[in-house]
């Protein structure tokens, strides 16, 4: 007999994109990046709970940061943000 139960709450998701943000401001996972230097978010979702010291390939200029290659972020959607449950990892 199987005793499986549904877990209430938002579904778990994994998203891919470029991580962009500022040291003291919000962090975004962008699927559309504006070609400027440093890059800017054209379209994306806010990401919370990311430890910047754990992000592979993070570039910095002043208080701005971004990943040059796409990363995967895993977590749950809370309102309009993705709350990460583990450090981002490189996209294959």
PDB file of N, CA and C in Angstrom:
ATOM      1  N   UNK A   1       0.843  -1.174   0.000  1.00  0.00           N
ATOM      2  CA  UNK A   1       0.000   0.000   0.000  1.00  0.00           C
ATOM      3  C   UNK A   1       0.890   1.239   0.000  1.00  0.00           C
ATOM      4  N   UNK A   2       0.564   2.173  -0.834  1.00  0.00           N
ATOM      5  CA  UNK A   2       1.320   3.417  -0.942  1.00  0.00           C
ATOM      6  C   UNK A   2       0.634   4.494  -0.114  1.00  0.00           C
ATOM      7  N   UNK A   3       1.432   5.231   0.647  1.00  0.00           N
ATOM      8  CA  UNK A   3       0.884   6.290   1.485  1.00  0.00           C
ATOM      9  C   UNK A   3       1.412   7.643   1.011  1.00  0.00           C
ATOM     10  N   UNK A   4       1.157   7.975  -0.257  1.00  0.00           N
ATOM     11  CA  UNK A   4       1.623   9.238  -0.820  1.00  0.00           C
ATOM     12  C   UNK A   4       0.617  10.332  -0.514  1.00  0.00           C
ATOM     13  N   UNK A   5       1.137  11.499  -0.206  1.00  0.00           N
ATOM     14  CA  UNK A   5       0.267  12.646   0.086  1.00  0.00           C
ATOM     15  C   UNK A   5       0.759  13.856  -0.691  1.00  0.00           C
ATOM     16  N   UNK A   6      -0.179  14.666  -1.109  1.00  0.00           N
ATOM     17  CA  UNK A   6       0.187  15.909  -1.798  1.00  0.00           C
ATOM     18  C   UNK A   6       0.748  16.894  -0.783  1.00  0.00           C
ATOM     19  N   UNK A   7       1.784  17.592  -1.175  1.00  0.00           N
ATOM     20  CA  UNK A   7       2.377  18.611  -0.326  1.00  0.00           C
ATOM     21  C   UNK A   7       1.783  19.957  -0.740  1.00  0.00           C
ATOM     22  N   UNK A   8       1.114  20.660   0.184  1.00  0.00           N
ATOM     23  CA  UNK A   8       0.533  21.945  -0.192  1.00  0.00           C
ATOM     24  C   UNK A   8       1.616  22.986  -0.458  1.00  0.00           C
ATOM     25  N   UNK A   9       1.274  23.965  -1.247  1.00  0.00           N
ATOM     26  CA  UNK A   9       2.231  25.034  -1.532  1.00  0.00           C
ATOM     27  C   UNK A   9       2.537  25.118  -3.003  1.00  0.00           C
ATOM     28  N   UNK A  10       3.322  26.105  -3.364  1.00  0.00           N
ATOM     29  CA  UNK A  10       3.651  26.297  -4.782  1.00  0.00           C
ATOM     30  C   UNK A  10       4.555  25.186  -5.297  1.00  0.00           C
ATOM     31  N   UNK A  11       4.466  24.890  -6.591  1.00  0.00           N
ATOM     32  CA  UNK A  11       5.302  23.837  -7.167  1.00  0.00           C
ATOM     33  C   UNK A  11       6.772  24.239  -7.226  1.00  0.00           C
ATOM     34  N   UNK A  12       7.620  23.232  -7.233  1.00  0.00           N
ATOM     35  CA  UNK A  12       9.063  23.426  -7.368  1.00  0.00           C
ATOM     36  C   UNK A  12       9.375  23.638  -8.844  1.00  0.00           C
ATOM     37  N   UNK A  13      10.219  24.624  -9.154  1.00  0.00           N
ATOM     38  CA  UNK A  13      10.574  24.916 -10.540  1.00  0.00           C
ATOM     39  C   UNK A  13      12.084  25.064 -10.676  1.00  0.00           C
ATOM     40  N   UNK A  14      12.562  24.863 -11.890  1.00  0.00           N
ATOM     41  CA  UNK A  14      13.951  25.154 -12.237  1.00  0.00           C
ATOM     42  C   UNK A  14      13.918  26.032 -13.475  1.00  0.00           C
ATOM     43  N   UNK A  15      14.626  27.165 -13.409  1.00  0.00           N
ATOM     44  CA  UNK A  15      14.630  28.120 -14.513  1.00  0.00           C
ATOM     45  C   UNK A  15      16.062  28.367 -14.963  1.00  0.00           C
ATOM     46  N   UNK A  16      16.211  28.777 -16.212  1.00  0.00           N
ATOM     47  CA  UNK A  16      17.531  29.043 -16.770  1.00  0.00           C
ATOM     48  C   UNK A  16      17.585  30.480 -17.271  1.00  0.00           C
ATOM     49  N   UNK A  17      18.735  31.116 -17.095  1.00  0.00           N
ATOM     50  CA  UNK A  17      18.907  32.479 -17.584  1.00  0.00           C
ATOM     51  C   UNK A  17      20.218  33.068 -17.103  1.00  0.00           C
ATOM     52  N   UNK A  18      20.356  34.360 -17.315  1.00  0.00           N
ATOM     53  CA  UNK A  18      21.525  35.105 -16.876  1.00  0.00           C
ATOM     54  C   UNK A  18      21.181  35.790 -15.565  1.00  0.00           C
ATOM     55  N   UNK A  19      21.991  35.595 -14.548  1.00  0.00           N
ATOM     56  CA  UNK A  19      21.772  36.229 -13.253  1.00  0.00           C
ATOM     57  C   UNK A  19      22.363  37.636 -13.298  1.00  0.00           C
ATOM     58  N   UNK A  20      21.535  38.648 -13.002  1.00  0.00           N
ATOM     59  CA  UNK A  20      21.957  40.054 -13.069  1.00  0.00           C
ATOM     60  C   UNK A  20      21.412  40.789 -11.848  1.00  0.00           C
ATOM     61  N   UNK A  21      22.223  41.680 -11.284  1.00  0.00           N
ATOM     62  CA  UNK A  21      21.720  42.484 -10.177  1.00  0.00           C
ATOM     63  C   UNK A  21      22.759  43.428  -9.626  1.00  0.00           C
ATOM     64  N   UNK A  22      22.452  43.972  -8.453  1.00  0.00           N
ATOM     65  CA  UNK A  22      23.381  44.832  -7.740  1.00  0.00           C
ATOM     66  C   UNK A  22      23.605  44.257  -6.351  1.00  0.00           C
ATOM     67  N   UNK A  23      24.719  44.609  -5.739  1.00  0.00           N
ATOM     68  CA  UNK A  23      25.080  44.056  -4.430  1.00  0.00           C
ATOM     69  C   UNK A  23      23.990  44.300  -3.391  1.00  0.00           C
ATOM     70  N   UNK A  24      23.410  45.506  -3.363  1.00  0.00           N
ATOM     71  CA  UNK A  24      22.414  45.829  -2.344  1.00  0.00           C
ATOM     72  C   UNK A  24      20.986  45.858  -2.870  1.00  0.00           C
ATOM     73  N   UNK A  25      20.805  45.534  -4.133  1.00  0.00           N
ATOM     74  CA  UNK A  25      19.464  45.584  -4.721  1.00  0.00           C
ATOM     75  C   UNK A  25      18.973  44.208  -5.095  1.00  0.00           C
ATOM     76  N   UNK A  26      17.898  44.160  -5.849  1.00  0.00           N
ATOM     77  CA  UNK A  26      17.348  42.869  -6.242  1.00  0.00           C
ATOM     78  C   UNK A  26      18.227  42.143  -7.254  1.00  0.00           C
ATOM     79  N   UNK A  27      18.039  40.846  -7.310  1.00  0.00           N
ATOM     80  CA  UNK A  27      18.735  39.950  -8.232  1.00  0.00           C
ATOM     81  C   UNK A  27      17.678  39.402  -9.192  1.00  0.00           C
ATOM     82  N   UNK A  28      18.017  39.307 -10.467  1.00  0.00           N
ATOM     83  CA  UNK A  28      17.076  38.801 -11.464  1.00  0.00           C
ATOM     84  C   UNK A  28      17.697  37.669 -12.268  1.00  0.00           C
ATOM     85  N   UNK A  29      16.854  36.739 -12.680  1.00  0.00           N
ATOM     86  CA  UNK A  29      17.235  35.720 -13.639  1.00  0.00           C
ATOM     87  C   UNK A  29      16.612  36.163 -14.954  1.00  0.00           C
ATOM     88  N   UNK A  30      17.451  36.628 -15.883  1.00  0.00           N
ATOM     89  CA  UNK A  30      16.965  37.233 -17.124  1.00  0.00           C
ATOM     90  C   UNK A  30      16.956  36.224 -18.262  1.00  0.00           C
ATOM     91  N   UNK A  31      15.846  36.214 -19.008  1.00  0.00           N
ATOM     92  CA  UNK A  31      15.816  35.419 -20.232  1.00  0.00           C
ATOM     93  C   UNK A  31      15.967  36.324 -21.450  1.00  0.00           C
ATOM     94  N   UNK A  32      15.967  37.638 -21.220  1.00  0.00           N
ATOM     95  CA  UNK A  32      16.267  38.618 -22.250  1.00  0.00           C
ATOM     96  C   UNK A  32      17.231  39.625 -21.640  1.00  0.00           C
ATOM     97  N   UNK A  33      18.422  39.724 -22.212  1.00  0.00           N
ATOM     98  CA  UNK A  33      19.480  40.580 -21.672  1.00  0.00           C
ATOM     99  C   UNK A  33      19.761  41.717 -22.650  1.00  0.00           C
ATOM    100  N   UNK A  34      19.765  42.949 -22.133  1.00  0.00           N
ATOM    101  CA  UNK A  34      20.105  44.100 -22.960  1.00  0.00           C
ATOM    102  C   UNK A  34      21.619  44.176 -23.097  1.00  0.00           C
ATOM    103  N   UNK A  35      22.095  44.362 -24.310  1.00  0.00           N
ATOM    104  CA  UNK A  35      23.526  44.357 -24.581  1.00  0.00           C
ATOM    105  C   UNK A  35      24.141  45.704 -24.245  1.00  0.00           C
ATOM    106  N   UNK A  36      24.475  45.878 -22.994  1.00  0.00           N
ATOM    107  CA  UNK A  36      25.159  47.067 -22.514  1.00  0.00           C
ATOM    108  C   UNK A  36      26.288  46.565 -21.629  1.00  0.00           C
ATOM    109  N   UNK A  37      27.067  47.472 -21.095  1.00  0.00           N
ATOM    110  CA  UNK A  37      28.105  47.044 -20.165  1.00  0.00           C
ATOM    111  C   UNK A  37      28.055  47.925 -18.928  1.00  0.00           C
ATOM    112  N   UNK A  38      27.746  47.322 -17.797  1.00  0.00           N
ATOM    113  CA  UNK A  38      27.392  45.913 -17.622  1.00  0.00           C
ATOM    114  C   UNK A  38      26.004  45.610 -18.194  1.00  0.00           C
ATOM    115  N   UNK A  39      25.717  44.317 -18.438  1.00  0.00           N
ATOM    116  CA  UNK A  39      24.429  43.938 -19.013  1.00  0.00           C
ATOM    117  C   UNK A  39      23.270  44.356 -18.104  1.00  0.00           C
ATOM    118  N   UNK A  40      22.088  44.523 -18.712  1.00  0.00           N
ATOM    119  CA  UNK A  40      20.883  44.876 -17.976  1.00  0.00           C
ATOM    120  C   UNK A  40      19.776  43.883 -18.293  1.00  0.00           C
ATOM    121  N   UNK A  41      18.838  43.771 -17.377  1.00  0.00           N
ATOM    122  CA  UNK A  41      17.701  42.866 -17.557  1.00  0.00           C
ATOM    123  C   UNK A  41      16.722  43.469 -18.555  1.00  0.00           C
ATOM    124  N   UNK A  42      16.413  42.725 -19.612  1.00  0.00           N
ATOM    125  CA  UNK A  42      15.366  43.110 -20.545  1.00  0.00           C
ATOM    126  C   UNK A  42      14.048  42.508 -20.113  1.00  0.00           C
ATOM    127  N   UNK A  43      14.098  41.248 -19.640  1.00  0.00           N
ATOM    128  CA  UNK A  43      12.921  40.545 -19.124  1.00  0.00           C
ATOM    129  C   UNK A  43      13.429  39.432 -18.226  1.00  0.00           C
ATOM    130  N   UNK A  44      12.789  39.224 -17.103  1.00  0.00           N
ATOM    131  CA  UNK A  44      13.212  38.165 -16.196  1.00  0.00           C
ATOM    132  C   UNK A  44      12.366  38.127 -14.939  1.00  0.00           C
ATOM    133  N   UNK A  45      12.784  37.314 -13.988  1.00  0.00           N
ATOM    134  CA  UNK A  45      12.079  37.156 -12.728  1.00  0.00           C
ATOM    135  C   UNK A  45      13.042  37.464 -11.583  1.00  0.00           C
ATOM    136  N   UNK A  46      12.529  38.123 -10.551  1.00  0.00           N
ATOM    137  CA  UNK A  46      13.357  38.382  -9.379  1.00  0.00           C
ATOM    138  C   UNK A  46      13.686  37.057  -8.701  1.00  0.00           C
ATOM    139  N   UNK A  47      14.907  36.946  -8.216  1.00  0.00           N
ATOM    140  CA  UNK A  47      15.350  35.744  -7.506  1.00  0.00           C
ATOM    141  C   UNK A  47      15.776  36.160  -6.103  1.00  0.00           C
ATOM    142  N   UNK A  48      15.283  35.441  -5.113  1.00  0.00           N
ATOM    143  CA  UNK A  48      15.654  35.708  -3.723  1.00  0.00           C
ATOM    144  C   UNK A  48      16.381  34.495  -3.158  1.00  0.00           C
ATOM    145  N   UNK A  49      17.201  34.743  -2.157  1.00  0.00           N
ATOM    146  CA  UNK A  49      17.872  33.646  -1.467  1.00  0.00           C
ATOM    147  C   UNK A  49      19.145  33.157  -2.119  1.00  0.00           C
ATOM    148  N   UNK A  50      19.725  33.940  -3.005  1.00  0.00           N
ATOM    149  CA  UNK A  50      20.962  33.541  -3.684  1.00  0.00           C
ATOM    150  C   UNK A  50      22.157  34.138  -2.944  1.00  0.00           C
ATOM    151  N   UNK A  51      23.104  33.283  -2.595  1.00  0.00           N
ATOM    152  CA  UNK A  51      24.368  33.720  -2.001  1.00  0.00           C
ATOM    153  C   UNK A  51      25.329  33.980  -3.157  1.00  0.00           C
ATOM    154  N   UNK A  52      25.662  35.248  -3.383  1.00  0.00           N
ATOM    155  CA  UNK A  52      26.495  35.604  -4.534  1.00  0.00           C
ATOM    156  C   UNK A  52      27.854  34.922  -4.518  1.00  0.00           C
ATOM    157  N   UNK A  53      28.359  34.585  -3.351  1.00  0.00           N
ATOM    158  CA  UNK A  53      29.652  33.903  -3.270  1.00  0.00           C
ATOM    159  C   UNK A  53      29.575  32.463  -3.770  1.00  0.00           C
ATOM    160  N   UNK A  54      28.374  31.938  -3.971  1.00  0.00           N
ATOM    161  CA  UNK A  54      28.184  30.563  -4.435  1.00  0.00           C
ATOM    162  C   UNK A  54      27.821  30.473  -5.922  1.00  0.00           C
ATOM    163  N   UNK A  55      27.820  31.611  -6.616  1.00  0.00           N
ATOM    164  CA  UNK A  55      27.401  31.631  -8.023  1.00  0.00           C
ATOM    165  C   UNK A  55      28.606  31.405  -8.930  1.00  0.00           C
ATOM    166  N   UNK A  56      28.568  30.357  -9.777  1.00  0.00           N
ATOM    167  CA  UNK A  56      29.700  30.102 -10.676  1.00  0.00           C
ATOM    168  C   UNK A  56      29.783  31.145 -11.785  1.00  0.00           C
ATOM    169  N   UNK A  57      30.994  31.598 -12.090  1.00  0.00           N
ATOM    170  CA  UNK A  57      31.214  32.506 -13.210  1.00  0.00           C
ATOM    171  C   UNK A  57      30.648  33.897 -13.022  1.00  0.00           C
ATOM    172  N   UNK A  58      30.529  34.355 -11.785  1.00  0.00           N
ATOM    173  CA  UNK A  58      29.977  35.683 -11.533  1.00  0.00           C
ATOM    174  C   UNK A  58      30.991  36.755 -11.870  1.00  0.00           C
ATOM    175  N   UNK A  59      30.584  37.752 -12.656  1.00  0.00           N
ATOM    176  CA  UNK A  59      31.425  38.902 -12.997  1.00  0.00           C
ATOM    177  C   UNK A  59      30.926  40.095 -12.215  1.00  0.00           C
ATOM    178  N   UNK A  60      31.823  41.012 -11.897  1.00  0.00           N
ATOM    179  CA  UNK A  60      31.440  42.207 -11.136  1.00  0.00           C
ATOM    180  C   UNK A  60      32.074  43.440 -11.735  1.00  0.00           C
ATOM    181  N   UNK A  61      31.340  44.535 -11.635  1.00  0.00           N
ATOM    182  CA  UNK A  61      31.866  45.854 -11.992  1.00  0.00           C
ATOM    183  C   UNK A  61      31.161  46.840 -11.070  1.00  0.00           C
ATOM    184  N   UNK A  62      31.931  47.407 -10.150  1.00  0.00           N
ATOM    185  CA  UNK A  62      31.326  48.266  -9.135  1.00  0.00           C
ATOM    186  C   UNK A  62      30.372  47.456  -8.276  1.00  0.00           C
ATOM    187  N   UNK A  63      29.147  47.939  -8.112  1.00  0.00           N
ATOM    188  CA  UNK A  63      28.169  47.193  -7.315  1.00  0.00           C
ATOM    189  C   UNK A  63      27.285  46.302  -8.175  1.00  0.00           C
ATOM    190  N   UNK A  64      27.535  46.235  -9.488  1.00  0.00           N
ATOM    191  CA  UNK A  64      26.740  45.398 -10.395  1.00  0.00           C
ATOM    192  C   UNK A  64      27.400  44.034 -10.585  1.00  0.00           C
ATOM    193  N   UNK A  65      26.582  43.018 -10.799  1.00  0.00           N
ATOM    194  CA  UNK A  65      27.106  41.678 -11.062  1.00  0.00           C
ATOM    195  C   UNK A  65      26.232  40.976 -12.093  1.00  0.00           C
ATOM    196  N   UNK A  66      26.826  39.965 -12.761  1.00  0.00           N
ATOM    197  CA  UNK A  66      26.123  39.189 -13.766  1.00  0.00           C
ATOM    198  C   UNK A  66      26.906  37.923 -14.055  1.00  0.00           C
ATOM    199  N   UNK A  67      26.220  36.943 -14.636  1.00  0.00           N
ATOM    200  CA  UNK A  67      26.896  35.736 -15.112  1.00  0.00           C
ATOM    201  C   UNK A  67      27.041  35.859 -16.620  1.00  0.00           C
ATOM    202  N   UNK A  68      28.196  35.478 -17.138  1.00  0.00           N
ATOM    203  CA  UNK A  68      28.401  35.545 -18.587  1.00  0.00           C
ATOM    204  C   UNK A  68      27.711  34.390 -19.299  1.00  0.00           C
ATOM    205  N   UNK A  69      27.605  33.256 -18.633  1.00  0.00           N
ATOM    206  CA  UNK A  69      26.929  32.092 -19.194  1.00  0.00           C
ATOM    207  C   UNK A  69      25.638  31.857 -18.410  1.00  0.00           C
ATOM    208  N   UNK A  70      24.708  31.180 -19.037  1.00  0.00           N
ATOM    209  CA  UNK A  70      23.435  30.883 -18.380  1.00  0.00           C
ATOM    210  C   UNK A  70      23.647  29.968 -17.179  1.00  0.00           C
ATOM    211  N   UNK A  71      22.818  30.181 -16.161  1.00  0.00           N
ATOM    212  CA  UNK A  71      22.821  29.333 -14.972  1.00  0.00           C
ATOM    213  C   UNK A  71      21.409  28.814 -14.737  1.00  0.00           C
ATOM    214  N   UNK A  72      21.316  27.738 -13.978  1.00  0.00           N
ATOM    215  CA  UNK A  72      20.034  27.184 -13.562  1.00  0.00           C
ATOM    216  C   UNK A  72      19.786  27.578 -12.118  1.00  0.00           C
ATOM    217  N   UNK A  73      18.540  27.968 -11.823  1.00  0.00           N
ATOM    218  CA  UNK A  73      18.142  28.306 -10.460  1.00  0.00           C
ATOM    219  C   UNK A  73      16.906  27.487 -10.136  1.00  0.00           C
ATOM    220  N   UNK A  74      16.936  26.851  -8.978  1.00  0.00           N
ATOM    221  CA  UNK A  74      15.872  25.963  -8.548  1.00  0.00           C
ATOM    222  C   UNK A  74      15.214  26.523  -7.293  1.00  0.00           C
ATOM    223  N   UNK A  75      13.890  26.401  -7.205  1.00  0.00           N
ATOM    224  CA  UNK A  75      13.192  26.866  -6.013  1.00  0.00           C
ATOM    225  C   UNK A  75      11.690  26.893  -6.220  1.00  0.00           C
ATOM    226  N   UNK A  76      11.022  27.754  -5.446  1.00  0.00           N
ATOM    227  CA  UNK A  76       9.570  27.885  -5.512  1.00  0.00           C
ATOM    228  C   UNK A  76       9.190  29.337  -5.799  1.00  0.00           C
ATOM    229  N   UNK A  77       8.084  29.504  -6.504  1.00  0.00           N
ATOM    230  CA  UNK A  77       7.579  30.838  -6.806  1.00  0.00           C
ATOM    231  C   UNK A  77       6.816  31.352  -5.590  1.00  0.00           C
ATOM    232  N   UNK A  78       7.176  32.568  -5.158  1.00  0.00           N
ATOM    233  CA  UNK A  78       6.504  33.229  -4.043  1.00  0.00           C
ATOM    234  C   UNK A  78       6.066  34.601  -4.545  1.00  0.00           C
ATOM    235  N   UNK A  79       4.803  34.733  -4.873  1.00  0.00           N
ATOM    236  CA  UNK A  79       4.325  35.980  -5.476  1.00  0.00           C
ATOM    237  C   UNK A  79       4.905  36.123  -6.864  1.00  0.00           C
ATOM    238  N   UNK A  80       5.774  37.118  -7.042  1.00  0.00           N
ATOM    239  CA  UNK A  80       6.387  37.337  -8.349  1.00  0.00           C
ATOM    240  C   UNK A  80       7.884  37.090  -8.328  1.00  0.00           C
ATOM    241  N   UNK A  81       8.366  36.325  -7.351  1.00  0.00           N
ATOM    242  CA  UNK A  81       9.806  36.039  -7.237  1.00  0.00           C
ATOM    243  C   UNK A  81      10.031  34.537  -7.140  1.00  0.00           C
ATOM    244  N   UNK A  82      11.202  34.120  -7.589  1.00  0.00           N
ATOM    245  CA  UNK A  82      11.660  32.742  -7.435  1.00  0.00           C
ATOM    246  C   UNK A  82      12.551  32.706  -6.202  1.00  0.00           C
ATOM    247  N   UNK A  83      12.165  31.925  -5.205  1.00  0.00           N
ATOM    248  CA  UNK A  83      12.952  31.798  -3.981  1.00  0.00           C
ATOM    249  C   UNK A  83      13.833  30.564  -4.128  1.00  0.00           C
ATOM    250  N   UNK A  84      15.139  30.801  -4.291  1.00  0.00           N
ATOM    251  CA  UNK A  84      16.092  29.719  -4.550  1.00  0.00           C
ATOM    252  C   UNK A  84      16.246  28.835  -3.319  1.00  0.00           C
ATOM    253  N   UNK A  85      16.342  27.526  -3.569  1.00  0.00           N
ATOM    254  CA  UNK A  85      16.543  26.584  -2.464  1.00  0.00           C
ATOM    255  C   UNK A  85      17.913  25.922  -2.508  1.00  0.00           C
ATOM    256  N   UNK A  86      18.749  26.370  -3.448  1.00  0.00           N
ATOM    257  CA  UNK A  86      20.129  25.893  -3.563  1.00  0.00           C
ATOM    258  C   UNK A  86      20.900  26.896  -4.408  1.00  0.00           C
ATOM    259  N   UNK A  87      22.221  26.859  -4.356  1.00  0.00           N
ATOM    260  CA  UNK A  87      22.999  27.794  -5.185  1.00  0.00           C
ATOM    261  C   UNK A  87      22.770  27.524  -6.670  1.00  0.00           C
ATOM    262  N   UNK A  88      22.805  28.559  -7.504  1.00  0.00           N
ATOM    263  CA  UNK A  88      22.707  28.366  -8.956  1.00  0.00           C
ATOM    264  C   UNK A  88      23.850  27.469  -9.448  1.00  0.00           C
ATOM    265  N   UNK A  89      23.620  26.773 -10.553  1.00  0.00           N
ATOM    266  CA  UNK A  89      24.662  25.928 -11.142  1.00  0.00           C
ATOM    267  C   UNK A  89      24.666  26.141 -12.656  1.00  0.00           C
ATOM    268  N   UNK A  90      25.813  25.858 -13.301  1.00  0.00           N
ATOM    269  CA  UNK A  90      25.950  26.119 -14.741  1.00  0.00           C
ATOM    270  C   UNK A  90      24.929  25.349 -15.566  1.00  0.00           C
ATOM    271  N   UNK A  91      24.406  25.996 -16.595  1.00  0.00           N
ATOM    272  CA  UNK A  91      23.498  25.343 -17.516  1.00  0.00           C
ATOM    273  C   UNK A  91      24.316  24.472 -18.468  1.00  0.00           C
ATOM    274  N   UNK A  92      23.837  23.266 -18.750  1.00  0.00           N
ATOM    275  CA  UNK A  92      24.608  22.389 -19.666  1.00  0.00           C
ATOM    276  C   UNK A  92      24.649  22.919 -21.079  1.00  0.00           C
TER     277      UNK A  92
END
